[in-house]
């Protein structure tokens, strides 16, 4: 698992959030979880396109 902020690989476990393991990056200090995104990039792009075109 890589840090979404800086791409570092030196992560430490720091509890849990909503049933998913929480990690903290030692390089930048950002927190992240191991959960998958709710919506894919394709779905997000389609929603934005639909919003812009009414």
Protein backbone atom coordinates (compact mmCIF):
# COMPACT_ATOMS: atom_id res chain seq x y z
CA UNK A 1 0.00 0.00 0.00
CA UNK A 2 1.30 3.47 -0.93
CA UNK A 3 0.53 6.85 0.60
CA UNK A 4 -2.03 8.75 -1.52
CA UNK A 5 -0.32 12.04 -0.64
CA UNK A 6 3.37 11.50 -1.29
CA UNK A 7 3.56 7.95 -2.66
CA UNK A 8 5.69 6.77 0.28
CA UNK A 9 5.62 3.15 1.40
CA UNK A 10 6.60 3.63 5.07
CA UNK A 11 3.13 3.40 6.65
CA UNK A 12 2.24 2.51 10.23
CA UNK A 13 -1.07 1.22 11.59
CA UNK A 14 -2.99 3.84 13.60
CA UNK A 15 -6.29 2.30 14.69
CA UNK A 16 -9.43 1.80 12.66
CA UNK A 17 -12.20 3.93 11.17
CA UNK A 18 -15.62 2.63 10.11
CA UNK A 19 -14.34 -0.96 10.28
CA UNK A 20 -11.28 -0.37 8.07
CA UNK A 21 -7.63 -0.29 9.11
CA UNK A 22 -6.22 3.25 9.31
CA UNK A 23 -2.61 4.03 8.35
CA UNK A 24 -0.34 7.06 8.86
CA UNK A 25 2.50 7.92 6.48
CA UNK A 26 5.80 8.55 8.27
CA UNK A 27 7.05 10.83 5.50
CA UNK A 28 4.18 13.33 5.17
CA UNK A 29 1.94 12.46 8.17
CA UNK A 30 -1.20 11.91 6.10
CA UNK A 31 -3.78 9.37 7.26
CA UNK A 32 -5.46 6.91 4.91
CA UNK A 33 -7.54 3.72 5.10
CA UNK A 34 -7.41 0.47 3.18
CA UNK A 35 -11.01 0.79 1.96
CA UNK A 36 -11.90 0.91 -1.72
CA UNK A 37 -13.44 4.09 -3.21
CA UNK A 38 -17.25 4.08 -3.29
CA UNK A 39 -17.50 5.10 -6.95
CA UNK A 40 -15.18 4.39 -9.86
CA UNK A 41 -13.55 7.18 -11.86
CA UNK A 42 -15.82 6.29 -14.80
CA UNK A 43 -18.97 6.75 -12.69
CA UNK A 44 -17.71 10.09 -11.32
CA UNK A 45 -16.92 11.35 -14.84
CA UNK A 46 -20.38 10.32 -16.06
CA UNK A 47 -22.06 12.11 -13.13
CA UNK A 48 -20.14 15.33 -13.83
CA UNK A 49 -20.98 15.12 -17.53
CA UNK A 50 -24.67 14.62 -16.74
CA UNK A 51 -24.61 17.57 -14.32
CA UNK A 52 -22.95 19.88 -16.86
CA UNK A 53 -25.41 18.89 -19.63
CA UNK A 54 -28.47 19.04 -17.38
